[in-house]
Amino acid sequence: AIAPGAVKFYEGRSEVVSADVPHEGALTMEVAHSAEGTTAQETHSLALDDAGRKLTYQRRGAEFVYTRCD
């Protein structure tokens, strides 16, 4: 779930420390990710495709693609 100031995952929560918009449709975030009693600084990025139907989320070297359902 993406909420103001944080991204929540099944296994943890990432509090947004800072954010940057490198270009339209993209967001890069520095986060403090907390899970299983530890907190680590990470960089996460979001990118929306030109049609606005797919959101790509990258974190920890993994890429997740979400498709909008209508």
N, C-alpha and C. Protein backbone atom coordinates (compact mmCIF):
# COMPACT_ATOMS: atom_id res chain seq x y z
N ALA A 1 0.85 -1.17 0.00
CA ALA A 1 0.00 0.00 0.00
C ALA A 1 0.89 1.23 0.00
N ILE A 2 0.55 2.19 -0.82
CA ILE A 2 1.29 3.44 -0.87
C ILE A 2 0.45 4.49 -0.17
N ALA A 3 1.00 5.08 0.87
CA ALA A 3 0.31 6.09 1.66
C ALA A 3 1.19 7.33 1.73
N PRO A 4 0.63 8.47 2.11
CA PRO A 4 1.47 9.67 2.26
C PRO A 4 2.58 9.41 3.29
N GLY A 5 3.82 9.56 2.87
CA GLY A 5 4.95 9.41 3.78
C GLY A 5 5.47 8.01 4.00
N ALA A 6 4.81 6.99 3.46
CA ALA A 6 5.27 5.62 3.70
C ALA A 6 4.74 4.67 2.64
N VAL A 7 5.48 3.57 2.47
CA VAL A 7 5.05 2.47 1.62
C VAL A 7 5.01 1.25 2.52
N LYS A 8 3.89 0.57 2.56
CA LYS A 8 3.72 -0.58 3.45
C LYS A 8 3.78 -1.87 2.64
N PHE A 9 4.55 -2.82 3.15
CA PHE A 9 4.70 -4.13 2.53
C PHE A 9 4.23 -5.19 3.52
N TYR A 10 4.01 -6.38 3.02
CA TYR A 10 3.61 -7.48 3.89
C TYR A 10 4.64 -7.67 5.00
N GLU A 11 5.93 -7.57 4.65
CA GLU A 11 6.99 -7.87 5.60
C GLU A 11 7.56 -6.65 6.29
N GLY A 12 7.09 -5.44 5.98
CA GLY A 12 7.66 -4.27 6.62
C GLY A 12 7.04 -2.97 6.14
N ARG A 13 7.74 -1.89 6.47
CA ARG A 13 7.24 -0.56 6.15
C ARG A 13 8.43 0.31 5.79
N SER A 14 8.28 1.13 4.75
CA SER A 14 9.32 2.06 4.33
C SER A 14 8.84 3.49 4.55
N GLU A 15 9.48 4.19 5.50
CA GLU A 15 9.17 5.59 5.76
C GLU A 15 9.98 6.44 4.79
N VAL A 16 9.31 7.34 4.07
CA VAL A 16 9.99 8.18 3.09
C VAL A 16 10.81 9.25 3.82
N VAL A 17 12.12 9.29 3.52
CA VAL A 17 13.02 10.28 4.09
C VAL A 17 13.12 11.48 3.16
N SER A 18 13.23 11.21 1.86
CA SER A 18 13.25 12.27 0.85
C SER A 18 12.77 11.69 -0.48
N ALA A 19 12.35 12.58 -1.37
CA ALA A 19 11.85 12.13 -2.67
C ALA A 19 12.29 13.12 -3.74
N ASP A 20 12.43 12.60 -4.97
CA ASP A 20 12.83 13.40 -6.11
C ASP A 20 12.04 12.94 -7.32
N VAL A 21 11.71 13.88 -8.20
CA VAL A 21 11.01 13.56 -9.45
C VAL A 21 12.01 13.80 -10.58
N PRO A 22 12.71 12.74 -11.03
CA PRO A 22 13.73 12.92 -12.07
C PRO A 22 13.14 13.30 -13.43
N HIS A 23 11.89 12.87 -13.69
CA HIS A 23 11.18 13.25 -14.92
C HIS A 23 9.71 12.91 -14.72
N GLU A 24 8.86 13.40 -15.59
CA GLU A 24 7.42 13.16 -15.46
C GLU A 24 7.12 11.67 -15.44
N GLY A 25 6.30 11.25 -14.51
CA GLY A 25 5.92 9.85 -14.42
C GLY A 25 6.87 9.00 -13.61
N ALA A 26 7.86 9.62 -12.96
CA ALA A 26 8.84 8.86 -12.19
C ALA A 26 9.05 9.50 -10.82
N LEU A 27 9.40 8.67 -9.84
CA LEU A 27 9.66 9.13 -8.49
C LEU A 27 10.78 8.28 -7.91
N THR A 28 11.77 8.90 -7.31
CA THR A 28 12.84 8.21 -6.61
C THR A 28 12.74 8.60 -5.14
N MET A 29 12.77 7.61 -4.26
CA MET A 29 12.63 7.87 -2.83
C MET A 29 13.79 7.28 -2.05
N GLU A 30 14.29 8.04 -1.09
CA GLU A 30 15.20 7.51 -0.09
C GLU A 30 14.30 7.16 1.08
N VAL A 31 14.40 5.91 1.56
CA VAL A 31 13.50 5.45 2.61
C VAL A 31 14.28 4.80 3.75
N ALA A 32 13.63 4.75 4.91
CA ALA A 32 14.11 3.96 6.04
C ALA A 32 13.18 2.76 6.10
N HIS A 33 13.67 1.61 5.63
CA HIS A 33 12.84 0.40 5.56
C HIS A 33 13.01 -0.41 6.84
N SER A 34 11.88 -0.65 7.52
CA SER A 34 11.88 -1.41 8.78
C SER A 34 11.16 -2.74 8.58
N ALA A 35 11.83 -3.81 8.99
CA ALA A 35 11.24 -5.15 8.91
C ALA A 35 11.99 -6.06 9.88
N GLU A 36 11.26 -6.90 10.54
CA GLU A 36 11.82 -7.91 11.44
C GLU A 36 12.81 -7.32 12.44
N GLY A 37 12.50 -6.13 12.98
CA GLY A 37 13.32 -5.53 14.02
C GLY A 37 14.54 -4.77 13.55
N THR A 38 14.75 -4.65 12.24
CA THR A 38 15.90 -3.90 11.74
C THR A 38 15.42 -2.79 10.80
N THR A 39 16.23 -1.75 10.68
CA THR A 39 15.93 -0.65 9.78
C THR A 39 17.15 -0.40 8.90
N ALA A 40 16.92 -0.24 7.59
CA ALA A 40 18.01 0.00 6.63
C ALA A 40 17.62 1.14 5.70
N GLN A 41 18.59 1.95 5.33
CA GLN A 41 18.37 3.01 4.35
C GLN A 41 18.39 2.38 2.96
N GLU A 42 17.41 2.69 2.14
CA GLU A 42 17.31 2.13 0.79
C GLU A 42 16.83 3.19 -0.19
N THR A 43 17.07 2.94 -1.47
CA THR A 43 16.54 3.78 -2.54
C THR A 43 15.49 2.96 -3.27
N HIS A 44 14.28 3.51 -3.39
CA HIS A 44 13.19 2.87 -4.12
C HIS A 44 12.78 3.80 -5.26
N SER A 45 12.30 3.23 -6.36
CA SER A 45 11.85 4.07 -7.47
C SER A 45 10.53 3.56 -8.02
N LEU A 46 9.74 4.50 -8.49
CA LEU A 46 8.45 4.21 -9.11
C LEU A 46 8.44 4.85 -10.48
N ALA A 47 7.86 4.15 -11.46
CA ALA A 47 7.72 4.70 -12.81
C ALA A 47 6.38 4.27 -13.38
N LEU A 48 5.66 5.23 -13.91
CA LEU A 48 4.36 4.99 -14.53
C LEU A 48 4.56 4.96 -16.04
N ASP A 49 3.97 3.97 -16.72
CA ASP A 49 4.13 3.92 -18.18
C ASP A 49 3.34 5.06 -18.83
N ASP A 50 3.61 5.30 -20.11
CA ASP A 50 2.99 6.42 -20.84
C ASP A 50 1.47 6.36 -20.86
N ALA A 51 0.91 5.16 -20.86
CA ALA A 51 -0.54 5.01 -20.89
C ALA A 51 -1.18 5.15 -19.51
N GLY A 52 -0.34 5.19 -18.46
CA GLY A 52 -0.86 5.30 -17.11
C GLY A 52 -1.51 4.04 -16.59
N ARG A 53 -1.16 2.89 -17.16
CA ARG A 53 -1.80 1.62 -16.79
C ARG A 53 -0.88 0.70 -15.98
N LYS A 54 0.43 0.89 -16.10
CA LYS A 54 1.37 0.02 -15.39
C LYS A 54 2.31 0.86 -14.53
N LEU A 55 2.50 0.40 -13.29
CA LEU A 55 3.41 1.04 -12.36
C LEU A 55 4.53 0.07 -12.06
N THR A 56 5.75 0.49 -12.25
CA THR A 56 6.92 -0.33 -11.96
C THR A 56 7.54 0.18 -10.66
N TYR A 57 7.73 -0.72 -9.71
CA TYR A 57 8.32 -0.39 -8.42
C TYR A 57 9.63 -1.16 -8.30
N GLN A 58 10.72 -0.46 -8.05
CA GLN A 58 12.03 -1.11 -7.89
C GLN A 58 12.55 -0.89 -6.49
N ARG A 59 13.00 -1.98 -5.87
CA ARG A 59 13.62 -1.91 -4.55
C ARG A 59 14.51 -3.13 -4.34
N ARG A 60 15.63 -2.93 -3.70
CA ARG A 60 16.57 -4.02 -3.38
C ARG A 60 16.93 -4.86 -4.60
N GLY A 61 17.04 -4.26 -5.75
CA GLY A 61 17.40 -4.98 -6.96
C GLY A 61 16.27 -5.76 -7.60
N ALA A 62 15.09 -5.71 -7.01
CA ALA A 62 13.93 -6.42 -7.56
C ALA A 62 13.00 -5.41 -8.23
N GLU A 63 12.27 -5.88 -9.22
CA GLU A 63 11.33 -5.03 -9.94
C GLU A 63 9.94 -5.68 -9.91
N PHE A 64 8.96 -4.89 -9.52
CA PHE A 64 7.59 -5.35 -9.43
C PHE A 64 6.75 -4.49 -10.37
N VAL A 65 5.93 -5.11 -11.21
CA VAL A 65 5.08 -4.38 -12.14
C VAL A 65 3.63 -4.62 -11.77
N TYR A 66 2.91 -3.53 -11.56
CA TYR A 66 1.50 -3.57 -11.18
C TYR A 66 0.68 -3.02 -12.33
N THR A 67 -0.41 -3.70 -12.68
CA THR A 67 -1.28 -3.28 -13.77
C THR A 67 -2.59 -2.79 -13.20
N ARG A 68 -3.03 -1.64 -13.68
CA ARG A 68 -4.29 -1.05 -13.21
C ARG A 68 -5.46 -1.90 -13.67
N CYS A 69 -6.35 -2.20 -12.75
CA CYS A 69 -7.58 -2.93 -13.07
C CYS A 69 -8.73 -1.95 -13.02
N ASP A 70 -9.58 -1.97 -14.02
CA ASP A 70 -10.74 -1.09 -14.06
C ASP A 70 -12.01 -1.86 -13.85
